[in-house]
């Protein structure tokens, strides 16, 4: 895949985290996975973001954010990096460097944007998604939920959003936008490393009230993308294990 051909020109860094603080309300183990290796600044940004989400009348915002963020971190195991309090970047090892493969954007406006490599063709081939025709009676899409909740779907950049039916989820659709350097000439800082140099991305629009089917389909899309870099992670594992052993010995 084109997204795995060039790495982001920055080395993997990060400090180990201890307590999960205000962020850890979904399950300490899962949140420990997300927060592992973060700098104090990145940890603080995530905790402040989740504190704001958890202060909302409904707990759904914080729950969905945590679920998606943890799923992305498990697929992209290097420490995450925040862009302010509203976006998180996810990385994989790429030789002695790291490469960004996901981003999670949440502007506290009722919607979450998940950015991932463009695996739409693979998703359609596998049957996970199929392009939607006329909406069937009772069908639920992100835009429908947004209208009902008063949220506004973003149309910044991209080649136009499309709704795709989700396999095994009758009446539920997922909203996707294909992004590349041509249709998104001025991407946000937390997305720009995923575009250009023949790299393309998908933007999935979720809402803080999205049904479980949309969340699950998004996670499956990301897992499909992660198949292309499984070799990179496996190759980096021995070095990471050795480094962890040296660190433990130094503390002894």
C-alpha atoms as a PDB file:
ATOM      1  CA  UNK A   1       0.000   0.000   0.000  1.00  0.00           C
ATOM      2  CA  UNK A   2       1.232   3.495  -0.812  1.00  0.00           C
ATOM      3  CA  UNK A   3       0.843   4.671   2.774  1.00  0.00           C
ATOM      4  CA  UNK A   4       3.557   2.294   3.938  1.00  0.00           C
ATOM      5  CA  UNK A   5       6.167   3.328   1.414  1.00  0.00           C
ATOM      6  CA  UNK A   6       7.453   6.504   3.077  1.00  0.00           C
ATOM      7  CA  UNK A   7       7.949   7.176   6.759  1.00  0.00           C
ATOM      8  CA  UNK A   8       7.385  10.306   8.705  1.00  0.00           C
ATOM      9  CA  UNK A   9      10.774  11.935   9.247  1.00  0.00           C
ATOM     10  CA  UNK A  10      10.741  11.863  13.019  1.00  0.00           C
ATOM     11  CA  UNK A  11      12.125   9.274  15.408  1.00  0.00           C
ATOM     12  CA  UNK A  12       9.987   7.347  17.857  1.00  0.00           C
ATOM     13  CA  UNK A  13      10.105   8.927  21.272  1.00  0.00           C
ATOM     14  CA  UNK A  14       8.011   8.923  24.378  1.00  0.00           C
ATOM     15  CA  UNK A  15       8.149   8.625  28.128  1.00  0.00           C
ATOM     16  CA  UNK A  16       6.442   5.923  30.079  1.00  0.00           C
ATOM     17  CA  UNK A  17       3.170   6.753  31.756  1.00  0.00           C
ATOM     18  CA  UNK A  18       2.020   5.760  35.177  1.00  0.00           C
ATOM     19  CA  UNK A  19      -1.570   6.350  36.295  1.00  0.00           C
ATOM     20  CA  UNK A  20      -4.384   6.856  33.823  1.00  0.00           C
ATOM     21  CA  UNK A  21      -5.797   9.758  35.798  1.00  0.00           C
ATOM     22  CA  UNK A  22      -9.085  11.231  34.605  1.00  0.00           C
ATOM     23  CA  UNK A  23      -8.789   9.368  31.314  1.00  0.00           C
ATOM     24  CA  UNK A  24      -9.164   5.906  32.786  1.00  0.00           C
ATOM     25  CA  UNK A  25     -12.887   5.239  33.011  1.00  0.00           C
ATOM     26  CA  UNK A  26     -13.398   2.642  30.260  1.00  0.00           C
ATOM     27  CA  UNK A  27     -11.177  -0.044  31.757  1.00  0.00           C
ATOM     28  CA  UNK A  28      -7.787   0.606  33.269  1.00  0.00           C
ATOM     29  CA  UNK A  29      -6.096  -2.016  31.108  1.00  0.00           C
ATOM     30  CA  UNK A  30      -7.373  -0.530  27.866  1.00  0.00           C
ATOM     31  CA  UNK A  31      -6.538   3.019  28.843  1.00  0.00           C
ATOM     32  CA  UNK A  32      -3.087   1.936  29.975  1.00  0.00           C
ATOM     33  CA  UNK A  33      -2.598   0.646  26.428  1.00  0.00           C
ATOM     34  CA  UNK A  34      -3.588   3.999  24.965  1.00  0.00           C
ATOM     35  CA  UNK A  35      -1.522   6.097  27.361  1.00  0.00           C
ATOM     36  CA  UNK A  36       1.600   3.944  27.419  1.00  0.00           C
ATOM     37  CA  UNK A  37       4.772   5.858  26.569  1.00  0.00           C
ATOM     38  CA  UNK A  38       3.152   9.283  26.281  1.00  0.00           C
ATOM     39  CA  UNK A  39       4.894  12.506  27.146  1.00  0.00           C
ATOM     40  CA  UNK A  40       3.427  14.531  29.988  1.00  0.00           C
ATOM     41  CA  UNK A  41       2.044  17.050  27.478  1.00  0.00           C
ATOM     42  CA  UNK A  42       0.281  14.448  25.353  1.00  0.00           C
ATOM     43  CA  UNK A  43      -1.142  12.696  28.408  1.00  0.00           C
ATOM     44  CA  UNK A  44      -2.431  16.006  29.732  1.00  0.00           C
ATOM     45  CA  UNK A  45      -4.067  16.882  26.411  1.00  0.00           C
ATOM     46  CA  UNK A  46      -5.938  13.582  26.333  1.00  0.00           C
ATOM     47  CA  UNK A  47      -7.020  13.819  29.950  1.00  0.00           C
ATOM     48  CA  UNK A  48      -8.321  17.374  29.471  1.00  0.00           C
ATOM     49  CA  UNK A  49     -10.176  16.374  26.325  1.00  0.00           C
ATOM     50  CA  UNK A  50     -11.836  13.438  28.048  1.00  0.00           C
ATOM     51  CA  UNK A  51     -12.683  15.527  31.097  1.00  0.00           C
ATOM     52  CA  UNK A  52     -14.637  17.860  28.803  1.00  0.00           C
ATOM     53  CA  UNK A  53     -16.348  14.932  27.069  1.00  0.00           C
ATOM     54  CA  UNK A  54     -17.252  13.299  30.366  1.00  0.00           C
ATOM     55  CA  UNK A  55     -18.796  16.551  31.602  1.00  0.00           C
ATOM     56  CA  UNK A  56     -21.482  16.329  28.899  1.00  0.00           C
ATOM     57  CA  UNK A  57     -24.993  15.186  29.907  1.00  0.00           C
ATOM     58  CA  UNK A  58     -24.599  11.869  28.041  1.00  0.00           C
ATOM     59  CA  UNK A  59     -21.652   9.527  28.671  1.00  0.00           C
ATOM     60  CA  UNK A  60     -21.652   8.326  25.056  1.00  0.00           C
ATOM     61  CA  UNK A  61     -19.095  10.852  23.788  1.00  0.00           C
ATOM     62  CA  UNK A  62     -16.355   9.759  26.161  1.00  0.00           C
ATOM     63  CA  UNK A  63     -17.183   6.071  25.747  1.00  0.00           C
ATOM     64  CA  UNK A  64     -17.027   6.154  21.940  1.00  0.00           C
ATOM     65  CA  UNK A  65     -13.815   8.217  21.935  1.00  0.00           C
ATOM     66  CA  UNK A  66     -12.102   5.797  24.306  1.00  0.00           C
ATOM     67  CA  UNK A  67     -13.254   2.732  22.383  1.00  0.00           C
ATOM     68  CA  UNK A  68     -12.033   4.035  19.038  1.00  0.00           C
ATOM     69  CA  UNK A  69      -8.776   5.466  20.394  1.00  0.00           C
ATOM     70  CA  UNK A  70      -7.826   2.233  22.168  1.00  0.00           C
ATOM     71  CA  UNK A  71      -8.613   0.197  19.047  1.00  0.00           C
ATOM     72  CA  UNK A  72      -6.369   2.436  16.940  1.00  0.00           C
ATOM     73  CA  UNK A  73      -3.503   2.263  19.442  1.00  0.00           C
ATOM     74  CA  UNK A  74      -3.621  -1.539  19.434  1.00  0.00           C
ATOM     75  CA  UNK A  75      -3.225  -1.497  15.642  1.00  0.00           C
ATOM     76  CA  UNK A  76      -0.544   1.212  15.700  1.00  0.00           C
ATOM     77  CA  UNK A  77       1.561   0.421  18.776  1.00  0.00           C
ATOM     78  CA  UNK A  78       3.965   3.365  19.022  1.00  0.00           C
ATOM     79  CA  UNK A  79       3.168   6.176  21.495  1.00  0.00           C
ATOM     80  CA  UNK A  80       0.520   8.545  20.196  1.00  0.00           C
ATOM     81  CA  UNK A  81       1.032  12.263  19.694  1.00  0.00           C
ATOM     82  CA  UNK A  82      -1.583  14.937  20.248  1.00  0.00           C
ATOM     83  CA  UNK A  83      -2.280  18.044  18.220  1.00  0.00           C
ATOM     84  CA  UNK A  84      -3.732  20.241  20.922  1.00  0.00           C
ATOM     85  CA  UNK A  85      -6.607  18.730  22.876  1.00  0.00           C
ATOM     86  CA  UNK A  86      -8.732  17.748  19.887  1.00  0.00           C
ATOM     87  CA  UNK A  87      -6.661  15.428  17.685  1.00  0.00           C
ATOM     88  CA  UNK A  88      -4.481  12.365  18.227  1.00  0.00           C
ATOM     89  CA  UNK A  89      -1.986  10.860  15.763  1.00  0.00           C
ATOM     90  CA  UNK A  90      -1.131   7.146  15.729  1.00  0.00           C
ATOM     91  CA  UNK A  91       2.160   5.667  14.502  1.00  0.00           C
ATOM     92  CA  UNK A  92       3.887   2.445  13.514  1.00  0.00           C
ATOM     93  CA  UNK A  93       7.638   1.734  13.351  1.00  0.00           C
ATOM     94  CA  UNK A  94       9.300   2.358   9.986  1.00  0.00           C
ATOM     95  CA  UNK A  95      12.941   1.366  10.306  1.00  0.00           C
ATOM     96  CA  UNK A  96      14.544   3.796  12.743  1.00  0.00           C
ATOM     97  CA  UNK A  97      11.707   6.256  12.160  1.00  0.00           C
ATOM     98  CA  UNK A  98       7.962   6.183  12.646  1.00  0.00           C
ATOM     99  CA  UNK A  99       5.095   6.585  10.207  1.00  0.00           C
ATOM    100  CA  UNK A 100       1.652   7.996  10.906  1.00  0.00           C
ATOM    101  CA  UNK A 101      -1.181   5.663   9.922  1.00  0.00           C
ATOM    102  CA  UNK A 102      -4.254   6.968  11.791  1.00  0.00           C
ATOM    103  CA  UNK A 103      -5.651  10.162  13.248  1.00  0.00           C
ATOM    104  CA  UNK A 104      -8.616  10.752  15.537  1.00  0.00           C
ATOM    105  CA  UNK A 105     -10.135  14.222  15.479  1.00  0.00           C
ATOM    106  CA  UNK A 106     -12.785  15.423  17.915  1.00  0.00           C
ATOM    107  CA  UNK A 107     -13.721  19.085  17.950  1.00  0.00           C
ATOM    108  CA  UNK A 108     -16.343  18.652  20.690  1.00  0.00           C
ATOM    109  CA  UNK A 109     -19.002  19.441  18.090  1.00  0.00           C
ATOM    110  CA  UNK A 110     -20.867  16.161  18.173  1.00  0.00           C
ATOM    111  CA  UNK A 111     -18.766  14.329  15.620  1.00  0.00           C
ATOM    112  CA  UNK A 112     -15.541  12.316  15.552  1.00  0.00           C
ATOM    113  CA  UNK A 113     -13.369  11.985  12.452  1.00  0.00           C
ATOM    114  CA  UNK A 114     -11.243   8.891  11.995  1.00  0.00           C
ATOM    115  CA  UNK A 115      -8.515   9.091   9.337  1.00  0.00           C
ATOM    116  CA  UNK A 116      -6.976   5.907   7.957  1.00  0.00           C
ATOM    117  CA  UNK A 117      -5.234   4.675   4.795  1.00  0.00           C
ATOM    118  CA  UNK A 118      -7.548   4.289   1.807  1.00  0.00           C
ATOM    119  CA  UNK A 119      -8.696   0.660   1.941  1.00  0.00           C
ATOM    120  CA  UNK A 120     -12.134   1.287   0.452  1.00  0.00           C
ATOM    121  CA  UNK A 121     -11.538  -1.030  -2.505  1.00  0.00           C
ATOM    122  CA  UNK A 122     -10.441  -3.830  -0.168  1.00  0.00           C
ATOM    123  CA  UNK A 123     -13.436  -3.228   2.108  1.00  0.00           C
ATOM    124  CA  UNK A 124     -15.826  -3.490  -0.816  1.00  0.00           C
ATOM    125  CA  UNK A 125     -14.079  -6.563  -2.192  1.00  0.00           C
ATOM    126  CA  UNK A 126     -14.295  -8.299   1.184  1.00  0.00           C
ATOM    127  CA  UNK A 127     -17.971  -7.426   1.485  1.00  0.00           C
ATOM    128  CA  UNK A 128     -17.541  -5.323   4.611  1.00  0.00           C
ATOM    129  CA  UNK A 129     -19.002  -2.285   2.825  1.00  0.00           C
ATOM    130  CA  UNK A 130     -21.120  -1.812  -0.264  1.00  0.00           C
ATOM    131  CA  UNK A 131     -21.990   1.426  -1.977  1.00  0.00           C
ATOM    132  CA  UNK A 132     -25.435   2.515  -0.995  1.00  0.00           C
ATOM    133  CA  UNK A 133     -28.144   3.294  -3.492  1.00  0.00           C
ATOM    134  CA  UNK A 134     -31.381   4.931  -2.478  1.00  0.00           C
ATOM    135  CA  UNK A 135     -31.818   4.871   1.272  1.00  0.00           C
ATOM    136  CA  UNK A 136     -34.094   2.097   2.409  1.00  0.00           C
ATOM    137  CA  UNK A 137     -36.943   2.769   4.874  1.00  0.00           C
ATOM    138  CA  UNK A 138     -35.552   3.083   8.362  1.00  0.00           C
ATOM    139  CA  UNK A 139     -31.927   3.226   7.239  1.00  0.00           C
ATOM    140  CA  UNK A 140     -29.633   5.163   9.556  1.00  0.00           C
ATOM    141  CA  UNK A 141     -26.621   7.132   8.313  1.00  0.00           C
ATOM    142  CA  UNK A 142     -24.289   9.551  10.056  1.00  0.00           C
ATOM    143  CA  UNK A 143     -25.971  12.534   8.425  1.00  0.00           C
ATOM    144  CA  UNK A 144     -29.398  11.391   9.645  1.00  0.00           C
ATOM    145  CA  UNK A 145     -28.196  11.137  13.233  1.00  0.00           C
ATOM    146  CA  UNK A 146     -26.439  14.494  12.892  1.00  0.00           C
ATOM    147  CA  UNK A 147     -29.604  16.190  11.739  1.00  0.00           C
ATOM    148  CA  UNK A 148     -31.547  14.709  14.617  1.00  0.00           C
ATOM    149  CA  UNK A 149     -28.936  15.710  17.187  1.00  0.00           C
ATOM    150  CA  UNK A 150     -28.184  19.156  15.787  1.00  0.00           C
ATOM    151  CA  UNK A 151     -24.592  18.270  14.825  1.00  0.00           C
ATOM    152  CA  UNK A 152     -23.014  19.513  11.614  1.00  0.00           C
ATOM    153  CA  UNK A 153     -21.182  17.080   9.345  1.00  0.00           C
ATOM    154  CA  UNK A 154     -17.842  18.467   8.204  1.00  0.00           C
ATOM    155  CA  UNK A 155     -17.272  18.923   4.472  1.00  0.00           C
ATOM    156  CA  UNK A 156     -13.737  20.342   4.708  1.00  0.00           C
ATOM    157  CA  UNK A 157     -11.556  18.871   1.986  1.00  0.00           C
ATOM    158  CA  UNK A 158     -12.129  15.491   0.425  1.00  0.00           C
ATOM    159  CA  UNK A 159     -13.792  14.378  -2.762  1.00  0.00           C
ATOM    160  CA  UNK A 160     -17.338  14.353  -1.406  1.00  0.00           C
ATOM    161  CA  UNK A 161     -18.819  12.078   1.242  1.00  0.00           C
ATOM    162  CA  UNK A 162     -20.488   8.802   0.318  1.00  0.00           C
ATOM    163  CA  UNK A 163     -22.668   6.501   2.378  1.00  0.00           C
ATOM    164  CA  UNK A 164     -21.810   2.788   2.421  1.00  0.00           C
ATOM    165  CA  UNK A 165     -23.987  -0.029   3.690  1.00  0.00           C
ATOM    166  CA  UNK A 166     -22.379  -2.148   6.417  1.00  0.00           C
ATOM    167  CA  UNK A 167     -22.387  -5.917   6.046  1.00  0.00           C
ATOM    168  CA  UNK A 168     -24.752  -7.607   8.461  1.00  0.00           C
ATOM    169  CA  UNK A 169     -26.158  -4.289   9.711  1.00  0.00           C
ATOM    170  CA  UNK A 170     -29.480  -3.795   8.038  1.00  0.00           C
ATOM    171  CA  UNK A 171     -30.478  -0.158   7.844  1.00  0.00           C
ATOM    172  CA  UNK A 172     -27.122   1.268   9.030  1.00  0.00           C
ATOM    173  CA  UNK A 173     -24.662   3.095   6.757  1.00  0.00           C
ATOM    174  CA  UNK A 174     -21.162   4.495   7.225  1.00  0.00           C
ATOM    175  CA  UNK A 175     -20.099   7.887   5.883  1.00  0.00           C
ATOM    176  CA  UNK A 176     -16.710   7.966   4.115  1.00  0.00           C
ATOM    177  CA  UNK A 177     -14.686  10.562   2.228  1.00  0.00           C
ATOM    178  CA  UNK A 178     -11.652   9.822   0.067  1.00  0.00           C
ATOM    179  CA  UNK A 179      -8.773  12.251   0.629  1.00  0.00           C
ATOM    180  CA  UNK A 180      -5.646  12.875  -1.411  1.00  0.00           C
ATOM    181  CA  UNK A 181      -3.247  15.721  -2.105  1.00  0.00           C
ATOM    182  CA  UNK A 182      -5.384  16.955  -4.994  1.00  0.00           C
ATOM    183  CA  UNK A 183      -8.748  17.267  -3.246  1.00  0.00           C
ATOM    184  CA  UNK A 184      -7.257  18.230   0.132  1.00  0.00           C
ATOM    185  CA  UNK A 185      -4.466  20.696  -0.698  1.00  0.00           C
ATOM    186  CA  UNK A 186      -4.294  22.209   2.791  1.00  0.00           C
ATOM    187  CA  UNK A 187      -4.820  19.377   5.266  1.00  0.00           C
ATOM    188  CA  UNK A 188      -4.697  19.883   8.999  1.00  0.00           C
ATOM    189  CA  UNK A 189      -1.351  19.260  10.674  1.00  0.00           C
ATOM    190  CA  UNK A 190      -2.558  15.996  12.200  1.00  0.00           C
ATOM    191  CA  UNK A 191      -3.512  14.628   8.759  1.00  0.00           C
ATOM    192  CA  UNK A 192      -0.896  16.002   6.351  1.00  0.00           C
ATOM    193  CA  UNK A 193       1.558  13.141   6.935  1.00  0.00           C
ATOM    194  CA  UNK A 194      -1.063  10.725   5.616  1.00  0.00           C
ATOM    195  CA  UNK A 195      -1.377  12.493   2.248  1.00  0.00           C
ATOM    196  CA  UNK A 196       1.012  13.272  -0.576  1.00  0.00           C
ATOM    197  CA  UNK A 197       3.734  11.092  -2.110  1.00  0.00           C
ATOM    198  CA  UNK A 198       0.985   8.894  -3.589  1.00  0.00           C
ATOM    199  CA  UNK A 199      -0.584   8.403  -0.188  1.00  0.00           C
ATOM    200  CA  UNK A 200      -4.357   8.523   0.131  1.00  0.00           C
ATOM    201  CA  UNK A 201      -6.633   8.390   3.125  1.00  0.00           C
ATOM    202  CA  UNK A 202     -10.226   7.861   4.145  1.00  0.00           C
ATOM    203  CA  UNK A 203     -12.107  10.055   6.567  1.00  0.00           C
ATOM    204  CA  UNK A 204     -14.856   8.302   8.491  1.00  0.00           C
ATOM    205  CA  UNK A 205     -17.445  10.490  10.151  1.00  0.00           C
ATOM    206  CA  UNK A 206     -18.780   9.168  13.426  1.00  0.00           C
ATOM    207  CA  UNK A 207     -21.022  10.931  15.873  1.00  0.00           C
ATOM    208  CA  UNK A 208     -21.061  10.965  19.630  1.00  0.00           C
ATOM    209  CA  UNK A 209     -24.397   9.146  19.291  1.00  0.00           C
ATOM    210  CA  UNK A 210     -23.326   6.724  16.540  1.00  0.00           C
ATOM    211  CA  UNK A 211     -24.813   3.211  16.804  1.00  0.00           C
ATOM    212  CA  UNK A 212     -22.502   0.274  17.624  1.00  0.00           C
ATOM    213  CA  UNK A 213     -22.606  -0.965  14.017  1.00  0.00           C
ATOM    214  CA  UNK A 214     -20.868   2.188  12.767  1.00  0.00           C
ATOM    215  CA  UNK A 215     -18.205   1.975  15.466  1.00  0.00           C
ATOM    216  CA  UNK A 216     -17.554  -1.702  14.730  1.00  0.00           C
ATOM    217  CA  UNK A 217     -17.339  -1.097  10.968  1.00  0.00           C
ATOM    218  CA  UNK A 218     -14.835   1.705  11.521  1.00  0.00           C
ATOM    219  CA  UNK A 219     -12.668  -0.547  13.673  1.00  0.00           C
ATOM    220  CA  UNK A 220     -12.843  -3.274  11.014  1.00  0.00           C
ATOM    221  CA  UNK A 221     -11.746  -0.805   8.333  1.00  0.00           C
ATOM    222  CA  UNK A 222      -8.748   0.162  10.440  1.00  0.00           C
ATOM    223  CA  UNK A 223      -7.895  -3.481  11.089  1.00  0.00           C
ATOM    224  CA  UNK A 224      -8.038  -4.110   7.346  1.00  0.00           C
ATOM    225  CA  UNK A 225      -5.568  -1.266   6.803  1.00  0.00           C
ATOM    226  CA  UNK A 226      -3.287  -2.618   9.533  1.00  0.00           C
ATOM    227  CA  UNK A 227      -2.727  -5.864   7.624  1.00  0.00           C
ATOM    228  CA  UNK A 228      -0.399  -3.970   5.287  1.00  0.00           C
ATOM    229  CA  UNK A 229       2.056  -3.051   8.060  1.00  0.00           C
ATOM    230  CA  UNK A 230       1.958  -6.229  10.148  1.00  0.00           C
ATOM    231  CA  UNK A 231       5.411  -7.075   8.809  1.00  0.00           C
ATOM    232  CA  UNK A 232       6.870  -3.761   9.931  1.00  0.00           C
ATOM    233  CA  UNK A 233       5.586  -4.276  13.467  1.00  0.00           C
ATOM    234  CA  UNK A 234       6.869  -7.849  13.582  1.00  0.00           C
ATOM    235  CA  UNK A 235      10.284  -6.737  12.349  1.00  0.00           C
ATOM    236  CA  UNK A 236      10.499  -4.029  14.997  1.00  0.00           C
ATOM    237  CA  UNK A 237       9.395  -6.290  17.863  1.00  0.00           C
ATOM    238  CA  UNK A 238      12.822  -7.830  18.690  1.00  0.00           C
ATOM    239  CA  UNK A 239      14.479  -4.415  18.900  1.00  0.00           C
ATOM    240  CA  UNK A 240      11.672  -3.075  21.073  1.00  0.00           C
ATOM    241  CA  UNK A 241      11.929  -6.076  23.384  1.00  0.00           C
ATOM    242  CA  UNK A 242      15.678  -5.659  23.674  1.00  0.00           C
ATOM    243  CA  UNK A 243      15.306  -1.964  24.468  1.00  0.00           C
ATOM    244  CA  UNK A 244      12.737  -2.753  27.142  1.00  0.00           C
ATOM    245  CA  UNK A 245      15.120  -5.310  28.647  1.00  0.00           C
ATOM    246  CA  UNK A 246      17.955  -2.798  28.806  1.00  0.00           C
ATOM    247  CA  UNK A 247      15.668  -0.278  30.472  1.00  0.00           C
ATOM    248  CA  UNK A 248      14.612  -2.803  33.096  1.00  0.00           C
ATOM    249  CA  UNK A 249      18.235  -3.788  33.782  1.00  0.00           C
ATOM    250  CA  UNK A 250      19.241  -0.160  34.189  1.00  0.00           C
ATOM    251  CA  UNK A 251      16.584   0.339  36.854  1.00  0.00           C
ATOM    252  CA  UNK A 252      17.630  -2.774  38.795  1.00  0.00           C
END
